[in-house]
N, C-alpha and C. Protein backbone atom coordinates (compact mmCIF):
# COMPACT_ATOMS: atom_id res chain seq x y z
N MET A 1 -67.88 -57.63 -22.07
CA MET A 1 -67.10 -56.80 -22.97
C MET A 1 -67.97 -55.68 -23.52
N ILE A 2 -67.36 -54.51 -23.67
CA ILE A 2 -68.01 -53.37 -24.30
C ILE A 2 -67.53 -53.33 -25.75
N LYS A 3 -68.44 -53.09 -26.66
CA LYS A 3 -68.12 -53.01 -28.08
C LYS A 3 -68.25 -51.55 -28.53
N TYR A 4 -67.16 -51.00 -29.06
CA TYR A 4 -67.16 -49.64 -29.58
C TYR A 4 -67.03 -49.69 -31.10
N GLU A 5 -67.85 -48.92 -31.79
CA GLU A 5 -67.70 -48.79 -33.24
C GLU A 5 -66.67 -47.69 -33.48
N ILE A 6 -65.70 -47.96 -34.35
CA ILE A 6 -64.64 -46.99 -34.60
C ILE A 6 -64.53 -46.68 -36.09
N LYS A 7 -63.94 -45.55 -36.36
CA LYS A 7 -63.54 -45.19 -37.72
C LYS A 7 -62.02 -45.17 -37.71
N LEU A 8 -61.43 -46.08 -38.42
CA LEU A 8 -59.98 -46.21 -38.45
C LEU A 8 -59.38 -45.16 -39.38
N ILE A 9 -58.52 -44.32 -38.84
CA ILE A 9 -57.87 -43.28 -39.63
C ILE A 9 -56.54 -43.77 -40.17
N LYS A 10 -55.75 -44.40 -39.30
CA LYS A 10 -54.44 -44.90 -39.71
C LYS A 10 -54.07 -46.10 -38.85
N MET A 11 -53.50 -47.11 -39.49
CA MET A 11 -53.00 -48.27 -38.76
C MET A 11 -51.49 -48.32 -38.96
N PHE A 12 -50.76 -48.40 -37.86
CA PHE A 12 -49.31 -48.37 -37.93
C PHE A 12 -48.69 -49.75 -38.10
N LYS A 13 -49.37 -50.79 -37.61
CA LYS A 13 -48.78 -52.12 -37.64
C LYS A 13 -49.91 -53.15 -37.69
N GLY A 14 -49.68 -54.25 -38.39
CA GLY A 14 -50.65 -55.33 -38.40
C GLY A 14 -51.68 -55.24 -39.50
N PHE A 15 -51.50 -54.31 -40.45
CA PHE A 15 -52.48 -54.14 -41.51
C PHE A 15 -52.62 -55.39 -42.37
N GLU A 16 -51.54 -56.14 -42.50
CA GLU A 16 -51.59 -57.36 -43.32
C GLU A 16 -52.47 -58.44 -42.68
N LYS A 17 -52.66 -58.39 -41.37
CA LYS A 17 -53.50 -59.37 -40.69
C LYS A 17 -54.97 -58.97 -40.69
N VAL A 18 -55.22 -57.71 -40.44
CA VAL A 18 -56.60 -57.22 -40.34
C VAL A 18 -56.70 -55.95 -41.16
N LYS A 19 -57.41 -56.03 -42.27
CA LYS A 19 -57.47 -54.88 -43.17
C LYS A 19 -58.59 -53.93 -42.83
N ASP A 20 -59.64 -54.41 -42.19
CA ASP A 20 -60.80 -53.55 -41.95
C ASP A 20 -61.33 -53.77 -40.54
N ILE A 21 -60.87 -52.96 -39.59
CA ILE A 21 -61.37 -53.03 -38.22
C ILE A 21 -62.50 -52.03 -38.09
N GLN A 22 -63.66 -52.52 -37.70
CA GLN A 22 -64.82 -51.65 -37.54
C GLN A 22 -65.21 -51.50 -36.07
N TYR A 23 -64.85 -52.48 -35.25
CA TYR A 23 -65.21 -52.47 -33.83
C TYR A 23 -63.99 -52.83 -32.99
N VAL A 24 -63.92 -52.27 -31.78
CA VAL A 24 -62.95 -52.70 -30.78
C VAL A 24 -63.72 -53.11 -29.54
N TYR A 25 -63.16 -54.03 -28.80
CA TYR A 25 -63.79 -54.58 -27.60
C TYR A 25 -62.88 -54.34 -26.41
N THR A 26 -63.49 -54.08 -25.25
CA THR A 26 -62.74 -53.86 -24.03
C THR A 26 -63.55 -54.38 -22.85
N PRO A 27 -62.90 -54.85 -21.79
CA PRO A 27 -63.65 -55.29 -20.61
C PRO A 27 -64.49 -54.16 -20.02
N VAL A 28 -65.56 -54.53 -19.34
CA VAL A 28 -66.49 -53.56 -18.77
C VAL A 28 -65.87 -52.77 -17.63
N PHE A 29 -65.11 -53.43 -16.78
CA PHE A 29 -64.60 -52.80 -15.56
C PHE A 29 -63.12 -52.44 -15.68
N SER A 30 -62.74 -51.32 -15.06
CA SER A 30 -61.33 -50.92 -15.07
C SER A 30 -60.47 -51.92 -14.29
N SER A 31 -61.07 -52.62 -13.32
CA SER A 31 -60.33 -53.64 -12.58
C SER A 31 -59.94 -54.81 -13.47
N LEU A 32 -60.61 -54.95 -14.60
CA LEU A 32 -60.25 -55.97 -15.60
C LEU A 32 -59.48 -55.35 -16.75
N CYS A 33 -58.95 -54.16 -16.52
CA CYS A 33 -58.15 -53.40 -17.50
C CYS A 33 -58.99 -52.83 -18.64
N GLY A 34 -60.26 -52.62 -18.40
CA GLY A 34 -61.13 -52.04 -19.42
C GLY A 34 -60.83 -50.58 -19.68
N VAL A 35 -61.11 -50.13 -20.87
CA VAL A 35 -60.88 -48.76 -21.30
C VAL A 35 -62.22 -48.10 -21.56
N LYS A 36 -62.41 -46.89 -21.03
CA LYS A 36 -63.65 -46.16 -21.27
C LYS A 36 -63.38 -45.11 -22.34
N LEU A 37 -64.08 -45.20 -23.46
CA LEU A 37 -63.93 -44.25 -24.55
C LEU A 37 -65.17 -43.37 -24.64
N ASP A 38 -64.98 -42.12 -24.99
CA ASP A 38 -66.10 -41.20 -25.15
C ASP A 38 -66.67 -41.40 -26.55
N SER A 39 -67.82 -42.04 -26.62
CA SER A 39 -68.41 -42.36 -27.92
C SER A 39 -69.40 -41.30 -28.39
N ASN A 40 -69.66 -40.28 -27.58
CA ASN A 40 -70.61 -39.25 -27.96
C ASN A 40 -69.97 -38.10 -28.73
N ASN A 41 -68.69 -37.89 -28.56
CA ASN A 41 -67.98 -36.80 -29.24
C ASN A 41 -67.03 -37.37 -30.27
N LYS A 42 -66.63 -36.53 -31.18
CA LYS A 42 -65.67 -36.96 -32.19
C LYS A 42 -64.26 -36.74 -31.64
N VAL A 43 -63.81 -37.71 -30.88
CA VAL A 43 -62.51 -37.65 -30.22
C VAL A 43 -61.58 -38.62 -30.93
N HIS A 44 -60.34 -38.21 -31.13
CA HIS A 44 -59.35 -39.10 -31.72
C HIS A 44 -58.60 -39.81 -30.60
N TYR A 45 -58.40 -41.11 -30.74
CA TYR A 45 -57.65 -41.91 -29.78
C TYR A 45 -56.54 -42.64 -30.52
N LEU A 46 -55.44 -42.83 -29.85
CA LEU A 46 -54.40 -43.73 -30.33
C LEU A 46 -54.55 -45.00 -29.52
N LEU A 47 -55.01 -46.05 -30.16
CA LEU A 47 -55.30 -47.31 -29.47
C LEU A 47 -54.27 -48.35 -29.84
N SER A 48 -53.95 -49.19 -28.89
CA SER A 48 -53.14 -50.37 -29.17
C SER A 48 -53.84 -51.55 -28.53
N GLY A 49 -53.64 -52.69 -29.10
CA GLY A 49 -54.32 -53.86 -28.56
C GLY A 49 -53.89 -55.12 -29.26
N LYS A 50 -54.71 -56.13 -29.11
CA LYS A 50 -54.44 -57.45 -29.64
C LYS A 50 -55.54 -57.85 -30.60
N VAL A 51 -55.16 -58.48 -31.70
CA VAL A 51 -56.15 -59.00 -32.63
C VAL A 51 -56.02 -60.51 -32.65
N LEU A 52 -57.01 -61.19 -32.10
CA LEU A 52 -57.10 -62.64 -32.23
C LEU A 52 -58.24 -62.92 -33.20
N VAL A 53 -59.45 -62.80 -32.71
CA VAL A 53 -60.63 -62.86 -33.58
C VAL A 53 -61.14 -61.44 -33.80
N HIS A 54 -61.17 -60.67 -32.71
CA HIS A 54 -61.60 -59.27 -32.75
C HIS A 54 -60.47 -58.41 -32.18
N MET A 55 -60.54 -57.13 -32.41
CA MET A 55 -59.58 -56.19 -31.81
C MET A 55 -59.95 -55.97 -30.36
N LYS A 56 -59.03 -56.25 -29.44
CA LYS A 56 -59.27 -56.10 -28.01
C LYS A 56 -58.32 -55.04 -27.48
N VAL A 57 -58.87 -54.06 -26.76
CA VAL A 57 -58.09 -52.96 -26.20
C VAL A 57 -58.16 -53.05 -24.68
N VAL A 58 -56.99 -53.07 -24.02
CA VAL A 58 -56.93 -53.10 -22.56
C VAL A 58 -55.97 -52.01 -22.09
N HIS A 59 -56.04 -51.69 -20.80
CA HIS A 59 -55.25 -50.59 -20.25
C HIS A 59 -54.13 -51.08 -19.32
N CYS A 60 -53.94 -52.37 -19.18
CA CYS A 60 -52.91 -52.90 -18.28
C CYS A 60 -51.70 -53.40 -19.06
């Protein structure tokens, strides 16, 4: 898993479950539905995913 540090601007759903998300996780390979995010630039993303223990983002 790849761990990305994020700055949460707005959460549309699920705020009552997780109030402070600081990291998102995604599989390493695209064949495992992993997502590649540009962490060097200040890019805004709209992410969706699952929160079990950590926030997990997949592309499938």
